[in-house]
Amino acid sequence: CGAGATKPIEDYRRDDRTPAFAIQDGAAEDFRTQFDAVVAELAALFEFGTEAQLNAEVPQPADPSMTRSGVGCLIHGAGHLREHVGQAQLMRDLWLARKA
């Protein structure tokens, strides 16, 4: 959203979020490949971001509580990502404690 790449929240939830949380078997190399693809996609998106897009409101008619400015979307996304990192760290710690 901060780079002007907007779509309705219901489309994001259906097309991006649901498949991202599907259970997948895979090796560490698969994860690295997916992670590298996300980093490359973000780098490409940041090339398109402008100050006007950061200040523009990004409406979400299906869920007005999700309406934010472009910069608000970035801040919300960073905070949300931080929560997931914490969850992953907790799972790692629980896994390691299981073996102790």
C-alpha atoms as a PDB file:
ATOM      1  CA  CYS A   1       0.000   0.000   0.000  1.00  0.00           C
ATOM      2  CA  GLY A   2       2.848   2.381   0.772  1.00  0.00           C
ATOM      3  CA  ALA A   3       4.102   1.961  -2.791  1.00  0.00           C
ATOM      4  CA  GLY A   4       0.695   2.307  -4.425  1.00  0.00           C
ATOM      5  CA  ALA A   5       0.174  -1.441  -4.934  1.00  0.00           C
ATOM      6  CA  THR A   6      -3.300  -1.636  -3.463  1.00  0.00           C
ATOM      7  CA  LYS A   7      -6.098  -4.112  -3.793  1.00  0.00           C
ATOM      8  CA  PRO A   8      -9.234  -4.800  -1.764  1.00  0.00           C
ATOM      9  CA  ILE A   9      -8.530  -6.470   1.575  1.00  0.00           C
ATOM     10  CA  GLU A  10     -10.825  -9.382   0.698  1.00  0.00           C
ATOM     11  CA  ASP A  11      -8.753 -10.081  -2.427  1.00  0.00           C
ATOM     12  CA  TYR A  12      -5.545  -9.996  -0.363  1.00  0.00           C
ATOM     13  CA  ARG A  13      -7.021 -12.359   2.209  1.00  0.00           C
ATOM     14  CA  ARG A  14      -8.153 -14.811  -0.483  1.00  0.00           C
ATOM     15  CA  ASP A  15      -5.246 -14.605  -2.949  1.00  0.00           C
ATOM     16  CA  ASP A  16      -2.230 -13.947  -0.723  1.00  0.00           C
ATOM     17  CA  ARG A  17      -2.853 -14.649   2.938  1.00  0.00           C
ATOM     18  CA  THR A  18      -4.757 -17.941   2.750  1.00  0.00           C
ATOM     19  CA  PRO A  19      -2.180 -19.688   0.516  1.00  0.00           C
ATOM     20  CA  ALA A  20       0.689 -18.268   2.606  1.00  0.00           C
ATOM     21  CA  PHE A  21      -0.628 -20.068   5.686  1.00  0.00           C
ATOM     22  CA  ALA A  22      -1.242 -23.382   3.943  1.00  0.00           C
ATOM     23  CA  ILE A  23       0.788 -26.211   5.430  1.00  0.00           C
ATOM     24  CA  GLN A  24       3.672 -27.073   3.162  1.00  0.00           C
ATOM     25  CA  ASP A  25       6.367 -29.667   3.503  1.00  0.00           C
ATOM     26  CA  GLY A  26       9.773 -28.496   2.478  1.00  0.00           C
ATOM     27  CA  ALA A  27      13.421 -28.282   3.225  1.00  0.00           C
ATOM     28  CA  ALA A  28      15.328 -25.326   4.592  1.00  0.00           C
ATOM     29  CA  GLU A  29      16.474 -24.524   1.057  1.00  0.00           C
ATOM     30  CA  ASP A  30      12.838 -24.148  -0.030  1.00  0.00           C
ATOM     31  CA  PHE A  31      12.318 -21.632   2.769  1.00  0.00           C
ATOM     32  CA  ARG A  32      15.443 -19.712   1.746  1.00  0.00           C
ATOM     33  CA  THR A  33      14.235 -19.567  -1.849  1.00  0.00           C
ATOM     34  CA  GLN A  34      10.817 -18.262  -0.779  1.00  0.00           C
ATOM     35  CA  PHE A  35      12.409 -15.732   1.582  1.00  0.00           C
ATOM     36  CA  ASP A  36      14.722 -14.446  -1.158  1.00  0.00           C
ATOM     37  CA  ALA A  37      11.720 -14.065  -3.483  1.00  0.00           C
ATOM     38  CA  VAL A  38       9.880 -11.964  -0.881  1.00  0.00           C
ATOM     39  CA  VAL A  39      12.925  -9.735  -0.362  1.00  0.00           C
ATOM     40  CA  ALA A  40      13.232  -9.215  -4.132  1.00  0.00           C
ATOM     41  CA  GLU A  41       9.514  -8.426  -4.425  1.00  0.00           C
ATOM     42  CA  LEU A  42       9.722  -5.863  -1.612  1.00  0.00           C
ATOM     43  CA  ALA A  43      12.775  -4.220  -3.176  1.00  0.00           C
ATOM     44  CA  ALA A  44      10.899  -3.897  -6.479  1.00  0.00           C
ATOM     45  CA  LEU A  45       7.839  -2.419  -4.751  1.00  0.00           C
ATOM     46  CA  PHE A  46       9.920   0.163  -2.896  1.00  0.00           C
ATOM     47  CA  GLU A  47      11.224   1.430  -6.251  1.00  0.00           C
ATOM     48  CA  PHE A  48       7.685   2.574  -7.094  1.00  0.00           C
ATOM     49  CA  GLY A  49       6.862   4.304  -3.808  1.00  0.00           C
ATOM     50  CA  THR A  50       6.452   8.069  -3.788  1.00  0.00           C
ATOM     51  CA  GLU A  51       5.772  10.590  -1.055  1.00  0.00           C
ATOM     52  CA  ALA A  52       2.294  11.112  -2.509  1.00  0.00           C
ATOM     53  CA  GLN A  53       1.557   7.389  -2.161  1.00  0.00           C
ATOM     54  CA  LEU A  54       2.813   7.371   1.412  1.00  0.00           C
ATOM     55  CA  ASN A  55       0.451  10.235   2.268  1.00  0.00           C
ATOM     56  CA  ALA A  56      -2.536   8.959   0.277  1.00  0.00           C
ATOM     57  CA  GLU A  57      -5.374   7.228   2.049  1.00  0.00           C
ATOM     58  CA  VAL A  58      -5.790   3.580   1.073  1.00  0.00           C
ATOM     59  CA  PRO A  59      -9.530   2.889   1.430  1.00  0.00           C
ATOM     60  CA  GLN A  60     -10.827  -0.587   2.158  1.00  0.00           C
ATOM     61  CA  PRO A  61     -14.602  -0.490   1.535  1.00  0.00           C
ATOM     62  CA  ALA A  62     -15.153  -4.077   2.721  1.00  0.00           C
ATOM     63  CA  ASP A  63     -13.356  -3.374   6.020  1.00  0.00           C
ATOM     64  CA  PRO A  64     -13.221   0.362   6.829  1.00  0.00           C
ATOM     65  CA  SER A  65     -11.162  -0.346   9.963  1.00  0.00           C
ATOM     66  CA  MET A  66      -8.297  -1.268   7.606  1.00  0.00           C
ATOM     67  CA  THR A  67      -8.298   2.176   5.889  1.00  0.00           C
ATOM     68  CA  ARG A  68      -4.916   3.829   6.462  1.00  0.00           C
ATOM     69  CA  SER A  69      -2.454   6.109   4.730  1.00  0.00           C
ATOM     70  CA  GLY A  70       0.336   4.483   2.747  1.00  0.00           C
ATOM     71  CA  VAL A  71       2.771   5.133   5.588  1.00  0.00           C
ATOM     72  CA  GLY A  72       0.206   3.813   8.067  1.00  0.00           C
ATOM     73  CA  CYS A  73       0.080   0.589   6.049  1.00  0.00           C
ATOM     74  CA  LEU A  74       3.876   0.282   6.230  1.00  0.00           C
ATOM     75  CA  ILE A  75       3.944   0.901   9.992  1.00  0.00           C
ATOM     76  CA  HIS A  76       1.104  -1.560  10.572  1.00  0.00           C
ATOM     77  CA  GLY A  77       2.816  -4.160   8.386  1.00  0.00           C
ATOM     78  CA  ALA A  78       6.146  -3.786  10.181  1.00  0.00           C
ATOM     79  CA  GLY A  79       4.479  -4.190  13.573  1.00  0.00           C
ATOM     80  CA  HIS A  80       2.530  -7.199  12.378  1.00  0.00           C
ATOM     81  CA  LEU A  81       5.678  -8.797  10.961  1.00  0.00           C
ATOM     82  CA  ARG A  82       7.412  -8.226  14.305  1.00  0.00           C
ATOM     83  CA  GLU A  83       4.643 -10.218  16.006  1.00  0.00           C
ATOM     84  CA  HIS A  84       5.208 -13.131  13.630  1.00  0.00           C
ATOM     85  CA  VAL A  85       8.956 -13.028  14.256  1.00  0.00           C
ATOM     86  CA  GLY A  86       8.239 -13.247  17.982  1.00  0.00           C
ATOM     87  CA  GLN A  87       5.951 -16.230  17.393  1.00  0.00           C
ATOM     88  CA  ALA A  88       8.648 -17.974  15.370  1.00  0.00           C
ATOM     89  CA  GLN A  89      11.206 -17.320  18.108  1.00  0.00           C
ATOM     90  CA  LEU A  90       8.842 -18.723  20.718  1.00  0.00           C
ATOM     91  CA  MET A  91       8.265 -21.858  18.641  1.00  0.00           C
ATOM     92  CA  ARG A  92      12.022 -22.291  18.236  1.00  0.00           C
ATOM     93  CA  ASP A  93      12.533 -21.918  21.991  1.00  0.00           C
ATOM     94  CA  LEU A  94       9.777 -24.421  22.749  1.00  0.00           C
ATOM     95  CA  TRP A  95      11.270 -26.863  20.244  1.00  0.00           C
ATOM     96  CA  LEU A  96      14.728 -26.553  21.784  1.00  0.00           C
ATOM     97  CA  ALA A  97      13.341 -26.896  25.336  1.00  0.00           C
ATOM     98  CA  ARG A  98      11.570 -30.098  24.294  1.00  0.00           C
ATOM     99  CA  LYS A  99      14.938 -31.772  23.641  1.00  0.00           C
ATOM    100  CA  ALA A 100      16.505 -30.612  26.905  1.00  0.00           C
END
